[in-house]
Amino acid sequence: MGDCYSAQYDRLDDEPLSVAVADAVATFRDTSITDLEPLHYSINADALERLFEPRANGLRPGGSVAFEYSDCLVTVTANGEIRVESV
């Protein structure tokens, strides 16, 4: 497989997960976040946020979602990892 970049996302932080994903992709591609296409072209950002947001009974213990964004494969896991790879 090609290059890979990993970032850790704190699910209890105030920064939206969608912003953290875009930031990770921008870092991986060595470009400005404003040069990327809008995230909602690739995935429903609201649904992504809801998938991993804290719940009344705590944080989601497992699971992941993967999608293509700006010529990258992005995988977000329930433990807060954002992994970006070349497609």
C-alpha atoms as a PDB file:
ATOM      1  CA  MET A   1       0.000   0.000   0.000  1.00  0.00           C
ATOM      2  CA  GLY A   2       1.038   3.625  -0.428  1.00  0.00           C
ATOM      3  CA  ASP A   3       1.752   6.345   2.056  1.00  0.00           C
ATOM      4  CA  CYS A   4      -0.295   6.577   5.223  1.00  0.00           C
ATOM      5  CA  TYR A   5      -0.935   9.296   7.820  1.00  0.00           C
ATOM      6  CA  SER A   6      -2.652   8.851  11.160  1.00  0.00           C
ATOM      7  CA  ALA A   7      -4.100  11.455  13.511  1.00  0.00           C
ATOM      8  CA  GLN A   8      -5.866  11.060  16.819  1.00  0.00           C
ATOM      9  CA  TYR A   9      -9.250  12.704  17.361  1.00  0.00           C
ATOM     10  CA  ASP A  10     -10.576  13.396  20.852  1.00  0.00           C
ATOM     11  CA  ARG A  11     -14.295  12.606  20.670  1.00  0.00           C
ATOM     12  CA  LEU A  12     -14.928  14.796  23.720  1.00  0.00           C
ATOM     13  CA  ASP A  13     -13.240  17.838  22.133  1.00  0.00           C
ATOM     14  CA  ASP A  14     -15.196  20.807  20.799  1.00  0.00           C
ATOM     15  CA  GLU A  15     -13.639  20.539  17.320  1.00  0.00           C
ATOM     16  CA  PRO A  16     -16.065  18.862  14.894  1.00  0.00           C
ATOM     17  CA  LEU A  17     -14.922  15.492  13.589  1.00  0.00           C
ATOM     18  CA  SER A  18     -15.453  16.743  10.025  1.00  0.00           C
ATOM     19  CA  VAL A  19     -12.893  19.512  10.611  1.00  0.00           C
ATOM     20  CA  ALA A  20     -10.419  17.015  12.082  1.00  0.00           C
ATOM     21  CA  VAL A  21     -10.873  14.767   9.012  1.00  0.00           C
ATOM     22  CA  ALA A  22     -10.302  17.649   6.584  1.00  0.00           C
ATOM     23  CA  ASP A  23      -7.261  18.764   8.586  1.00  0.00           C
ATOM     24  CA  ALA A  24      -5.787  15.240   8.514  1.00  0.00           C
ATOM     25  CA  VAL A  25      -6.271  14.988   4.738  1.00  0.00           C
ATOM     26  CA  ALA A  26      -4.758  18.459   4.208  1.00  0.00           C
ATOM     27  CA  THR A  27      -1.746  17.471   6.331  1.00  0.00           C
ATOM     28  CA  PHE A  28      -1.342  14.183   4.428  1.00  0.00           C
ATOM     29  CA  ARG A  29      -1.550  15.950   1.065  1.00  0.00           C
ATOM     30  CA  ASP A  30       0.646  18.835   2.275  1.00  0.00           C
ATOM     31  CA  THR A  31      -1.897  21.432   1.218  1.00  0.00           C
ATOM     32  CA  SER A  32      -4.171  24.005   2.779  1.00  0.00           C
ATOM     33  CA  ILE A  33      -7.509  22.829   4.121  1.00  0.00           C
ATOM     34  CA  THR A  34      -9.147  25.494   1.932  1.00  0.00           C
ATOM     35  CA  ASP A  35      -7.703  23.829  -1.191  1.00  0.00           C
ATOM     36  CA  LEU A  36      -9.659  20.617  -0.539  1.00  0.00           C
ATOM     37  CA  GLU A  37     -13.096  19.949  -1.972  1.00  0.00           C
ATOM     38  CA  PRO A  38     -15.894  20.271   0.600  1.00  0.00           C
ATOM     39  CA  LEU A  39     -16.150  17.134   2.737  1.00  0.00           C
ATOM     40  CA  HIS A  40     -19.893  16.839   2.094  1.00  0.00           C
ATOM     41  CA  TYR A  41     -19.078  15.975  -1.552  1.00  0.00           C
ATOM     42  CA  SER A  42     -17.753  12.648  -0.228  1.00  0.00           C
ATOM     43  CA  ILE A  43     -19.774  11.854   2.904  1.00  0.00           C
ATOM     44  CA  ASN A  44     -22.663  13.234   4.911  1.00  0.00           C
ATOM     45  CA  ALA A  45     -20.651  15.177   7.504  1.00  0.00           C
ATOM     46  CA  ASP A  46     -23.593  15.401   9.935  1.00  0.00           C
ATOM     47  CA  ALA A  47     -24.026  11.628   9.875  1.00  0.00           C
ATOM     48  CA  LEU A  48     -20.284  11.184  10.423  1.00  0.00           C
ATOM     49  CA  GLU A  49     -20.469  13.456  13.478  1.00  0.00           C
ATOM     50  CA  ARG A  50     -23.486  11.582  14.902  1.00  0.00           C
ATOM     51  CA  LEU A  51     -21.880   8.190  14.349  1.00  0.00           C
ATOM     52  CA  PHE A  52     -19.051   8.873  16.795  1.00  0.00           C
ATOM     53  CA  GLU A  53     -20.522  11.499  19.133  1.00  0.00           C
ATOM     54  CA  PRO A  54     -20.778  10.730  22.857  1.00  0.00           C
ATOM     55  CA  ARG A  55     -24.021   8.998  23.848  1.00  0.00           C
ATOM     56  CA  ALA A  56     -26.010   9.037  27.077  1.00  0.00           C
ATOM     57  CA  ASN A  57     -24.482   5.667  28.005  1.00  0.00           C
ATOM     58  CA  GLY A  58     -20.913   6.680  27.068  1.00  0.00           C
ATOM     59  CA  LEU A  59     -18.778   6.537  23.942  1.00  0.00           C
ATOM     60  CA  ARG A  60     -19.300   4.025  21.132  1.00  0.00           C
ATOM     61  CA  PRO A  61     -16.930   1.169  22.025  1.00  0.00           C
ATOM     62  CA  GLY A  62     -16.115   0.022  18.495  1.00  0.00           C
ATOM     63  CA  GLY A  63     -16.673   0.438  14.796  1.00  0.00           C
ATOM     64  CA  SER A  64     -15.225   2.358  11.897  1.00  0.00           C
ATOM     65  CA  VAL A  65     -16.212   4.037   8.662  1.00  0.00           C
ATOM     66  CA  ALA A  66     -14.108   4.384   5.516  1.00  0.00           C
ATOM     67  CA  PHE A  67     -14.680   6.650   2.529  1.00  0.00           C
ATOM     68  CA  GLU A  68     -12.794   8.336  -0.293  1.00  0.00           C
ATOM     69  CA  TYR A  69     -12.122  12.046   0.016  1.00  0.00           C
ATOM     70  CA  SER A  70      -9.834  14.234  -2.107  1.00  0.00           C
ATOM     71  CA  ASP A  71      -8.123  11.241  -3.736  1.00  0.00           C
ATOM     72  CA  CYS A  72      -7.488   9.623  -0.343  1.00  0.00           C
ATOM     73  CA  LEU A  73      -8.977   6.713   1.565  1.00  0.00           C
ATOM     74  CA  VAL A  74     -10.034   7.992   4.988  1.00  0.00           C
ATOM     75  CA  THR A  75     -10.850   5.610   7.837  1.00  0.00           C
ATOM     76  CA  VAL A  76     -12.314   6.924  11.093  1.00  0.00           C
ATOM     77  CA  THR A  77     -12.484   4.546  14.042  1.00  0.00           C
ATOM     78  CA  ALA A  78     -14.460   4.650  17.271  1.00  0.00           C
ATOM     79  CA  ASN A  79     -11.217   4.896  19.262  1.00  0.00           C
ATOM     80  CA  GLY A  80     -10.585   8.297  17.641  1.00  0.00           C
ATOM     81  CA  GLU A  81      -8.076   7.370  14.953  1.00  0.00           C
ATOM     82  CA  ILE A  82      -8.267   9.135  11.594  1.00  0.00           C
ATOM     83  CA  ARG A  83      -6.167   7.240   9.041  1.00  0.00           C
ATOM     84  CA  VAL A  84      -5.482   8.713   5.605  1.00  0.00           C
ATOM     85  CA  GLU A  85      -3.978   6.676   2.774  1.00  0.00           C
ATOM     86  CA  SER A  86      -3.257   7.130  -0.907  1.00  0.00           C
ATOM     87  CA  VAL A  87      -5.935   5.690  -3.169  1.00  0.00           C
END
